[in-house]
C-alpha atoms as a PDB file:
ATOM      1  CA  UNK A   1      15.796  10.740  69.932  1.00  0.00           C
ATOM      2  CA  UNK A   2      13.087  12.047  72.234  1.00  0.00           C
ATOM      3  CA  UNK A   3      10.406  10.573  69.952  1.00  0.00           C
ATOM      4  CA  UNK A   4      12.045   7.152  70.224  1.00  0.00           C
ATOM      5  CA  UNK A   5      12.201   7.353  74.005  1.00  0.00           C
ATOM      6  CA  UNK A   6       8.503   8.041  74.518  1.00  0.00           C
ATOM      7  CA  UNK A   7       5.374   6.473  73.068  1.00  0.00           C
ATOM      8  CA  UNK A   8       2.671   9.110  72.948  1.00  0.00           C
ATOM      9  CA  UNK A   9       3.038  12.350  74.862  1.00  0.00           C
ATOM     10  CA  UNK A  10       6.176  12.558  76.979  1.00  0.00           C
ATOM     11  CA  UNK A  11       5.683  12.822  80.729  1.00  0.00           C
ATOM     12  CA  UNK A  12       6.114  16.332  82.146  1.00  0.00           C
ATOM     13  CA  UNK A  13       9.806  17.208  82.352  1.00  0.00           C
ATOM     14  CA  UNK A  14      10.943  13.995  80.662  1.00  0.00           C
ATOM     15  CA  UNK A  15      12.158  15.607  77.427  1.00  0.00           C
ATOM     16  CA  UNK A  16      14.151  18.179  79.376  1.00  0.00           C
ATOM     17  CA  UNK A  17      15.667  15.415  81.510  1.00  0.00           C
ATOM     18  CA  UNK A  18      16.595  13.419  78.409  1.00  0.00           C
ATOM     19  CA  UNK A  19      18.166  16.532  76.869  1.00  0.00           C
ATOM     20  CA  UNK A  20      20.267  17.205  79.993  1.00  0.00           C
ATOM     21  CA  UNK A  21      21.395  13.563  80.110  1.00  0.00           C
ATOM     22  CA  UNK A  22      22.412  13.615  76.443  1.00  0.00           C
ATOM     23  CA  UNK A  23      24.389  16.838  76.964  1.00  0.00           C
ATOM     24  CA  UNK A  24      26.157  15.213  79.940  1.00  0.00           C
ATOM     25  CA  UNK A  25      26.895  12.113  77.846  1.00  0.00           C
ATOM     26  CA  UNK A  26      28.390  14.182  74.989  1.00  0.00           C
ATOM     27  CA  UNK A  27      30.507  16.214  77.429  1.00  0.00           C
ATOM     28  CA  UNK A  28      31.717  13.105  79.263  1.00  0.00           C
ATOM     29  CA  UNK A  29      32.608  11.345  76.014  1.00  0.00           C
ATOM     30  CA  UNK A  30      34.535  14.349  74.718  1.00  0.00           C
ATOM     31  CA  UNK A  31      36.383  14.813  78.015  1.00  0.00           C
ATOM     32  CA  UNK A  32      37.227  11.096  78.188  1.00  0.00           C
ATOM     33  CA  UNK A  33      38.648  11.046  74.665  1.00  0.00           C
ATOM     34  CA  UNK A  34      40.745  14.125  75.308  1.00  0.00           C
ATOM     35  CA  UNK A  35      42.068  12.686  78.575  1.00  0.00           C
ATOM     36  CA  UNK A  36      43.848  10.043  76.492  1.00  0.00           C
ATOM     37  CA  UNK A  37      47.351  10.728  75.191  1.00  0.00           C
ATOM     38  CA  UNK A  38      47.119  12.271  71.725  1.00  0.00           C
ATOM     39  CA  UNK A  39      48.833   9.224  70.188  1.00  0.00           C
ATOM     40  CA  UNK A  40      45.930   7.064  71.443  1.00  0.00           C
ATOM     41  CA  UNK A  41      43.095   8.961  69.801  1.00  0.00           C
ATOM     42  CA  UNK A  42      41.848   9.628  66.318  1.00  0.00           C
ATOM     43  CA  UNK A  43      39.123  12.144  65.651  1.00  0.00           C
ATOM     44  CA  UNK A  44      37.484  12.582  62.259  1.00  0.00           C
ATOM     45  CA  UNK A  45      34.731  15.040  61.537  1.00  0.00           C
ATOM     46  CA  UNK A  46      31.559  13.594  60.114  1.00  0.00           C
ATOM     47  CA  UNK A  47      31.789  15.926  57.109  1.00  0.00           C
ATOM     48  CA  UNK A  48      35.227  14.507  56.244  1.00  0.00           C
ATOM     49  CA  UNK A  49      34.032  10.925  56.625  1.00  0.00           C
ATOM     50  CA  UNK A  50      30.963  11.569  54.474  1.00  0.00           C
ATOM     51  CA  UNK A  51      32.971  13.398  51.793  1.00  0.00           C
ATOM     52  CA  UNK A  52      35.936  11.008  51.538  1.00  0.00           C
ATOM     53  CA  UNK A  53      35.651   7.856  53.663  1.00  0.00           C
ATOM     54  CA  UNK A  54      38.630   6.245  51.898  1.00  0.00           C
ATOM     55  CA  UNK A  55      40.963   9.048  52.941  1.00  0.00           C
ATOM     56  CA  UNK A  56      39.685   8.981  56.536  1.00  0.00           C
ATOM     57  CA  UNK A  57      40.272   5.214  56.757  1.00  0.00           C
ATOM     58  CA  UNK A  58      43.773   5.661  55.306  1.00  0.00           C
ATOM     59  CA  UNK A  59      44.445   8.396  57.888  1.00  0.00           C
ATOM     60  CA  UNK A  60      43.178   6.139  60.685  1.00  0.00           C
ATOM     61  CA  UNK A  61      45.373   3.250  59.584  1.00  0.00           C
ATOM     62  CA  UNK A  62      48.377   5.595  59.311  1.00  0.00           C
ATOM     63  CA  UNK A  63      47.693   6.888  62.838  1.00  0.00           C
ATOM     64  CA  UNK A  64      47.830   3.273  64.016  1.00  0.00           C
ATOM     65  CA  UNK A  65      51.087   2.685  62.135  1.00  0.00           C
ATOM     66  CA  UNK A  66      49.439   0.265  59.714  1.00  0.00           C
ATOM     67  CA  UNK A  67      49.063   0.327  55.955  1.00  0.00           C
ATOM     68  CA  UNK A  68      45.848  -0.436  54.120  1.00  0.00           C
ATOM     69  CA  UNK A  69      46.180  -3.594  52.054  1.00  0.00           C
ATOM     70  CA  UNK A  70      45.645  -3.313  48.292  1.00  0.00           C
ATOM     71  CA  UNK A  71      42.572  -5.556  48.572  1.00  0.00           C
ATOM     72  CA  UNK A  72      41.002  -3.413  51.276  1.00  0.00           C
ATOM     73  CA  UNK A  73      41.930  -0.255  49.383  1.00  0.00           C
ATOM     74  CA  UNK A  74      40.044  -1.572  46.349  1.00  0.00           C
ATOM     75  CA  UNK A  75      36.953  -2.076  48.538  1.00  0.00           C
ATOM     76  CA  UNK A  76      37.378   1.417  49.969  1.00  0.00           C
ATOM     77  CA  UNK A  77      37.609   2.870  46.469  1.00  0.00           C
ATOM     78  CA  UNK A  78      34.375   1.124  45.500  1.00  0.00           C
ATOM     79  CA  UNK A  79      32.681   2.418  48.646  1.00  0.00           C
ATOM     80  CA  UNK A  80      33.955   5.929  47.916  1.00  0.00           C
ATOM     81  CA  UNK A  81      32.465   5.784  44.414  1.00  0.00           C
ATOM     82  CA  UNK A  82      29.083   4.715  45.821  1.00  0.00           C
ATOM     83  CA  UNK A  83      29.266   7.398  48.508  1.00  0.00           C
ATOM     84  CA  UNK A  84      29.560  10.191  45.935  1.00  0.00           C
ATOM     85  CA  UNK A  85      26.088   9.360  44.611  1.00  0.00           C
ATOM     86  CA  UNK A  86      24.381   8.535  47.905  1.00  0.00           C
ATOM     87  CA  UNK A  87      21.934  11.003  49.366  1.00  0.00           C
ATOM     88  CA  UNK A  88      20.093  10.528  52.607  1.00  0.00           C
ATOM     89  CA  UNK A  89      16.316  10.524  52.480  1.00  0.00           C
ATOM     90  CA  UNK A  90      16.220  11.689  56.082  1.00  0.00           C
ATOM     91  CA  UNK A  91      15.357  15.296  56.674  1.00  0.00           C
ATOM     92  CA  UNK A  92      15.915  16.809  60.070  1.00  0.00           C
ATOM     93  CA  UNK A  93      15.167  20.227  61.394  1.00  0.00           C
ATOM     94  CA  UNK A  94      15.992  21.532  64.819  1.00  0.00           C
ATOM     95  CA  UNK A  95      12.428  22.846  64.929  1.00  0.00           C
ATOM     96  CA  UNK A  96      11.292  19.186  65.094  1.00  0.00           C
ATOM     97  CA  UNK A  97      12.765  18.974  68.587  1.00  0.00           C
ATOM     98  CA  UNK A  98      12.004  20.840  71.804  1.00  0.00           C
ATOM     99  CA  UNK A  99      15.388  22.594  71.858  1.00  0.00           C
ATOM    100  CA  UNK A 100      16.735  25.685  70.148  1.00  0.00           C
ATOM    101  CA  UNK A 101      20.057  26.469  68.521  1.00  0.00           C
ATOM    102  CA  UNK A 102      21.043  28.864  71.320  1.00  0.00           C
ATOM    103  CA  UNK A 103      20.522  26.114  73.931  1.00  0.00           C
ATOM    104  CA  UNK A 104      22.730  23.676  72.036  1.00  0.00           C
ATOM    105  CA  UNK A 105      25.455  26.255  71.465  1.00  0.00           C
ATOM    106  CA  UNK A 106      25.429  27.214  75.151  1.00  0.00           C
ATOM    107  CA  UNK A 107      25.306  23.660  76.487  1.00  0.00           C
ATOM    108  CA  UNK A 108      27.865  22.190  74.073  1.00  0.00           C
ATOM    109  CA  UNK A 109      30.164  25.230  73.908  1.00  0.00           C
ATOM    110  CA  UNK A 110      33.268  23.421  75.267  1.00  0.00           C
ATOM    111  CA  UNK A 111      32.922  20.675  72.634  1.00  0.00           C
ATOM    112  CA  UNK A 112      32.124  23.098  69.818  1.00  0.00           C
ATOM    113  CA  UNK A 113      35.129  25.251  70.710  1.00  0.00           C
ATOM    114  CA  UNK A 114      37.518  22.300  71.033  1.00  0.00           C
ATOM    115  CA  UNK A 115      36.560  20.999  67.596  1.00  0.00           C
ATOM    116  CA  UNK A 116      36.272  24.434  65.985  1.00  0.00           C
ATOM    117  CA  UNK A 117      32.603  24.197  65.086  1.00  0.00           C
ATOM    118  CA  UNK A 118      31.024  27.523  64.362  1.00  0.00           C
END
């Protein structure tokens, strides 16, 4: 993200400011979602969505009190089959960014704890 925000070298302090703003955005979003009544929210982990998108969509529809139509289910099944063979060409490493694992764990601790991330 920080590479997208700046062309060439980032101004002094700009990356740190962007990092703090992103942390605040993640915290605010998490707090806002959890301020809603439980019946009005649906949270799926990325790993679940990537592993079995069809099941996550079925769970979402069920949470809304709606069934997935047979036609849509057929499309979901096709998408699930394609997903099993898809592999991202993107490679990310935290070392590519001016932040360390300890900083993220400290700054996002309330979110990590709420969602049981280790």
